[in-house]
Amino acid sequence: MAPLGSLYTAGTTGAKGKMGGLSSTATDVSVWLDAMENVVQKQALERERFQ
């Protein structure tokens, strides 16, 4: 997976960028980042449950 700093995150203008070596629109990247944020939040909740 590409390092976070290499992701193209220029809003939702439809500009093309690279994400993990694949061509993606800024909207695709935004959706992916939102999904990853949800994953991190869910993992944090699970971790709290087991502590």
PDB file of N, CA and C in Angstrom:
ATOM      1  N   MET A   1       0.837  -1.177   0.000  1.00  0.00           N
ATOM      2  CA  MET A   1       0.000   0.000   0.000  1.00  0.00           C
ATOM      3  C   MET A   1       0.883   1.241   0.000  1.00  0.00           C
ATOM      4  N   ALA A   2       0.455   2.263  -0.691  1.00  0.00           N
ATOM      5  CA  ALA A   2       1.230   3.499  -0.777  1.00  0.00           C
ATOM      6  C   ALA A   2       1.213   4.227   0.555  1.00  0.00           C
ATOM      7  N   PRO A   3       2.308   4.915   0.881  1.00  0.00           N
ATOM      8  CA  PRO A   3       2.319   5.717   2.107  1.00  0.00           C
ATOM      9  C   PRO A   3       1.244   6.788   2.043  1.00  0.00           C
ATOM     10  N   LEU A   4       0.692   7.148   3.183  1.00  0.00           N
ATOM     11  CA  LEU A   4      -0.408   8.099   3.232  1.00  0.00           C
ATOM     12  C   LEU A   4      -0.046   9.409   2.549  1.00  0.00           C
ATOM     13  N   GLY A   5       1.180   9.877   2.705  1.00  0.00           N
ATOM     14  CA  GLY A   5       1.596  11.140   2.113  1.00  0.00           C
ATOM     15  C   GLY A   5       1.585  11.134   0.596  1.00  0.00           C
ATOM     16  N   SER A   6       1.562   9.973  -0.033  1.00  0.00           N
ATOM     17  CA  SER A   6       1.602   9.916  -1.486  1.00  0.00           C
ATOM     18  C   SER A   6       0.213   9.897  -2.109  1.00  0.00           C
ATOM     19  N   LEU A   7      -0.826   9.935  -1.302  1.00  0.00           N
ATOM     20  CA  LEU A   7      -2.180   9.926  -1.841  1.00  0.00           C
ATOM     21  C   LEU A   7      -2.554  11.305  -2.352  1.00  0.00           C
ATOM     22  N   TYR A   8      -3.288  11.350  -3.434  1.00  0.00           N
ATOM     23  CA  TYR A   8      -3.730  12.598  -4.034  1.00  0.00           C
ATOM     24  C   TYR A   8      -5.079  12.939  -3.437  1.00  0.00           C
ATOM     25  N   THR A   9      -5.188  14.106  -2.779  1.00  0.00           N
ATOM     26  CA  THR A   9      -6.424  14.444  -2.073  1.00  0.00           C
ATOM     27  C   THR A   9      -6.903  15.844  -2.422  1.00  0.00           C
ATOM     28  N   ALA A  10      -6.970  16.179  -3.686  1.00  0.00           N
ATOM     29  CA  ALA A  10      -7.318  17.538  -4.107  1.00  0.00           C
ATOM     30  C   ALA A  10      -8.821  17.717  -4.266  1.00  0.00           C
ATOM     31  N   GLY A  11      -9.568  17.537  -3.221  1.00  0.00           N
ATOM     32  CA  GLY A  11     -11.006  17.804  -3.252  1.00  0.00           C
ATOM     33  C   GLY A  11     -11.773  16.903  -4.182  1.00  0.00           C
ATOM     34  N   THR A  12     -12.924  17.379  -4.645  1.00  0.00           N
ATOM     35  CA  THR A  12     -13.785  16.567  -5.498  1.00  0.00           C
ATOM     36  C   THR A  12     -13.977  17.221  -6.857  1.00  0.00           C
ATOM     37  N   THR A  13     -12.901  17.749  -7.419  1.00  0.00           N
ATOM     38  CA  THR A  13     -12.987  18.444  -8.698  1.00  0.00           C
ATOM     39  C   THR A  13     -12.955  17.489  -9.877  1.00  0.00           C
ATOM     40  N   GLY A  14     -12.724  16.212  -9.612  1.00  0.00           N
ATOM     41  CA  GLY A  14     -12.608  15.254 -10.700  1.00  0.00           C
ATOM     42  C   GLY A  14     -11.193  15.181 -11.257  1.00  0.00           C
ATOM     43  N   ALA A  15     -10.259  15.903 -10.657  1.00  0.00           N
ATOM     44  CA  ALA A  15      -8.866  15.867 -11.100  1.00  0.00           C
ATOM     45  C   ALA A  15      -8.318  14.458 -10.927  1.00  0.00           C
ATOM     46  N   LYS A  16      -7.478  14.062 -11.848  1.00  0.00           N
ATOM     47  CA  LYS A  16      -6.901  12.719 -11.771  1.00  0.00           C
ATOM     48  C   LYS A  16      -5.686  12.717 -10.864  1.00  0.00           C
ATOM     49  N   GLY A  17      -5.498  11.631 -10.140  1.00  0.00           N
ATOM     50  CA  GLY A  17      -4.338  11.471  -9.277  1.00  0.00           C
ATOM     51  C   GLY A  17      -3.963  10.011  -9.224  1.00  0.00           C
ATOM     52  N   LYS A  18      -3.020   9.671  -8.375  1.00  0.00           N
ATOM     53  CA  LYS A  18      -2.606   8.279  -8.217  1.00  0.00           C
ATOM     54  C   LYS A  18      -2.882   7.838  -6.794  1.00  0.00           C
ATOM     55  N   MET A  19      -3.434   6.649  -6.644  1.00  0.00           N
ATOM     56  CA  MET A  19      -3.654   6.070  -5.324  1.00  0.00           C
ATOM     57  C   MET A  19      -3.192   4.628  -5.399  1.00  0.00           C
ATOM     58  N   GLY A  20      -2.094   4.332  -4.746  1.00  0.00           N
ATOM     59  CA  GLY A  20      -1.570   2.970  -4.776  1.00  0.00           C
ATOM     60  C   GLY A  20      -1.185   2.527  -6.170  1.00  0.00           C
ATOM     61  N   GLY A  21      -0.782   3.478  -7.034  1.00  0.00           N
ATOM     62  CA  GLY A  21      -0.378   3.135  -8.384  1.00  0.00           C
ATOM     63  C   GLY A  21      -1.528   3.045  -9.368  1.00  0.00           C
ATOM     64  N   LEU A  22      -2.761   3.235  -8.906  1.00  0.00           N
ATOM     65  CA  LEU A  22      -3.927   3.167  -9.782  1.00  0.00           C
ATOM     66  C   LEU A  22      -4.451   4.570 -10.037  1.00  0.00           C
ATOM     67  N   SER A  23      -4.910   4.821 -11.240  1.00  0.00           N
ATOM     68  CA  SER A  23      -5.478   6.122 -11.552  1.00  0.00           C
ATOM     69  C   SER A  23      -6.826   6.251 -10.853  1.00  0.00           C
ATOM     70  N   SER A  24      -7.027   7.368 -10.141  1.00  0.00           N
ATOM     71  CA  SER A  24      -8.259   7.583  -9.392  1.00  0.00           C
ATOM     72  C   SER A  24      -8.666   9.039  -9.487  1.00  0.00           C
ATOM     73  N   THR A  25      -9.955   9.293  -9.382  1.00  0.00           N
ATOM     74  CA  THR A  25     -10.400  10.676  -9.283  1.00  0.00           C
ATOM     75  C   THR A  25     -10.291  11.110  -7.837  1.00  0.00           C
ATOM     76  N   ALA A  26     -10.302  12.408  -7.615  1.00  0.00           N
ATOM     77  CA  ALA A  26     -10.238  12.934  -6.251  1.00  0.00           C
ATOM     78  C   ALA A  26     -11.434  12.453  -5.446  1.00  0.00           C
ATOM     79  N   THR A  27     -12.591  12.277  -6.095  1.00  0.00           N
ATOM     80  CA  THR A  27     -13.775  11.775  -5.399  1.00  0.00           C
ATOM     81  C   THR A  27     -13.544  10.358  -4.908  1.00  0.00           C
ATOM     82  N   ASP A  28     -12.926   9.516  -5.738  1.00  0.00           N
ATOM     83  CA  ASP A  28     -12.604   8.145  -5.329  1.00  0.00           C
ATOM     84  C   ASP A  28     -11.706   8.145  -4.102  1.00  0.00           C
ATOM     85  N   VAL A  29     -10.720   9.017  -4.108  1.00  0.00           N
ATOM     86  CA  VAL A  29      -9.785   9.101  -2.990  1.00  0.00           C
ATOM     87  C   VAL A  29     -10.510   9.552  -1.737  1.00  0.00           C
ATOM     88  N   SER A  30     -11.390  10.527  -1.873  1.00  0.00           N
ATOM     89  CA  SER A  30     -12.152  11.028  -0.726  1.00  0.00           C
ATOM     90  C   SER A  30     -13.021   9.928  -0.128  1.00  0.00           C
ATOM     91  N   VAL A  31     -13.682   9.154  -0.964  1.00  0.00           N
ATOM     92  CA  VAL A  31     -14.515   8.043  -0.491  1.00  0.00           C
ATOM     93  C   VAL A  31     -13.650   7.013   0.220  1.00  0.00           C
ATOM     94  N   TRP A  32     -12.490   6.703  -0.358  1.00  0.00           N
ATOM     95  CA  TRP A  32     -11.581   5.728   0.252  1.00  0.00           C
ATOM     96  C   TRP A  32     -11.099   6.211   1.610  1.00  0.00           C
ATOM     97  N   LEU A  33     -10.721   7.486   1.711  1.00  0.00           N
ATOM     98  CA  LEU A  33     -10.254   8.031   2.985  1.00  0.00           C
ATOM     99  C   LEU A  33     -11.357   7.998   4.040  1.00  0.00           C
ATOM    100  N   ASP A  34     -12.594   8.308   3.643  1.00  0.00           N
ATOM    101  CA  ASP A  34     -13.722   8.229   4.582  1.00  0.00           C
ATOM    102  C   ASP A  34     -13.909   6.800   5.080  1.00  0.00           C
ATOM    103  N   ALA A  35     -13.801   5.833   4.176  1.00  0.00           N
ATOM    104  CA  ALA A  35     -13.953   4.431   4.569  1.00  0.00           C
ATOM    105  C   ALA A  35     -12.846   4.016   5.534  1.00  0.00           C
ATOM    106  N   MET A  36     -11.616   4.440   5.272  1.00  0.00           N
ATOM    107  CA  MET A  36     -10.506   4.097   6.165  1.00  0.00           C
ATOM    108  C   MET A  36     -10.677   4.753   7.532  1.00  0.00           C
ATOM    109  N   GLU A  37     -11.218   5.964   7.560  1.00  0.00           N
ATOM    110  CA  GLU A  37     -11.483   6.633   8.838  1.00  0.00           C
ATOM    111  C   GLU A  37     -12.504   5.834   9.643  1.00  0.00           C
ATOM    112  N   ASN A  38     -13.537   5.328   8.973  1.00  0.00           N
ATOM    113  CA  ASN A  38     -14.539   4.497   9.656  1.00  0.00           C
ATOM    114  C   ASN A  38     -13.919   3.225  10.209  1.00  0.00           C
ATOM    115  N   VAL A  39     -13.025   2.609   9.460  1.00  0.00           N
ATOM    116  CA  VAL A  39     -12.352   1.392   9.920  1.00  0.00           C
ATOM    117  C   VAL A  39     -11.549   1.683  11.182  1.00  0.00           C
ATOM    118  N   VAL A  40     -10.799   2.774  11.171  1.00  0.00           N
ATOM    119  CA  VAL A  40      -9.981   3.133  12.332  1.00  0.00           C
ATOM    120  C   VAL A  40     -10.865   3.386  13.546  1.00  0.00           C
ATOM    121  N   GLN A  41     -11.985   4.083  13.355  1.00  0.00           N
ATOM    122  CA  GLN A  41     -12.898   4.358  14.468  1.00  0.00           C
ATOM    123  C   GLN A  41     -13.492   3.066  15.028  1.00  0.00           C
ATOM    124  N   LYS A  42     -13.885   2.153  14.165  1.00  0.00           N
ATOM    125  CA  LYS A  42     -14.452   0.880  14.622  1.00  0.00           C
ATOM    126  C   LYS A  42     -13.415   0.051  15.372  1.00  0.00           C
ATOM    127  N   GLN A  43     -12.181   0.057  14.890  1.00  0.00           N
ATOM    128  CA  GLN A  43     -11.122  -0.677  15.583  1.00  0.00           C
ATOM    129  C   GLN A  43     -10.867  -0.088  16.964  1.00  0.00           C
ATOM    130  N   ALA A  44     -10.922   1.231  17.079  1.00  0.00           N
ATOM    131  CA  ALA A  44     -10.724   1.880  18.377  1.00  0.00           C
ATOM    132  C   ALA A  44     -11.841   1.490  19.342  1.00  0.00           C
ATOM    133  N   LEU A  45     -13.078   1.436  18.853  1.00  0.00           N
ATOM    134  CA  LEU A  45     -14.198   1.028  19.703  1.00  0.00           C
ATOM    135  C   LEU A  45     -14.043  -0.416  20.162  1.00  0.00           C
ATOM    136  N   GLU A  46     -13.631  -1.296  19.252  1.00  0.00           N
ATOM    137  CA  GLU A  46     -13.415  -2.698  19.609  1.00  0.00           C
ATOM    138  C   GLU A  46     -12.301  -2.829  20.643  1.00  0.00           C
ATOM    139  N   ARG A  47     -11.228  -2.073  20.466  1.00  0.00           N
ATOM    140  CA  ARG A  47     -10.110  -2.115  21.400  1.00  0.00           C
ATOM    141  C   ARG A  47     -10.577  -1.689  22.792  1.00  0.00           C
ATOM    142  N   GLU A  48     -11.405  -0.640  22.870  1.00  0.00           N
ATOM    143  CA  GLU A  48     -11.929  -0.165  24.156  1.00  0.00           C
ATOM    144  C   GLU A  48     -12.806  -1.227  24.821  1.00  0.00           C
ATOM    145  N   ARG A  49     -13.572  -1.949  24.030  1.00  0.00           N
ATOM    146  CA  ARG A  49     -14.452  -2.990  24.579  1.00  0.00           C
ATOM    147  C   ARG A  49     -13.672  -4.078  25.292  1.00  0.00           C
ATOM    148  N   PHE A  50     -12.491  -4.401  24.795  1.00  0.00           N
ATOM    149  CA  PHE A  50     -11.716  -5.506  25.348  1.00  0.00           C
ATOM    150  C   PHE A  50     -10.705  -5.080  26.399  1.00  0.00           C
ATOM    151  N   GLN A  51     -10.693  -3.815  26.758  1.00  0.00           N
ATOM    152  CA  GLN A  51      -9.752  -3.355  27.790  1.00  0.00           C
ATOM    153  C   GLN A  51     -10.431  -3.265  29.130  1.00  0.00           C
TER     154      GLN A  51
END
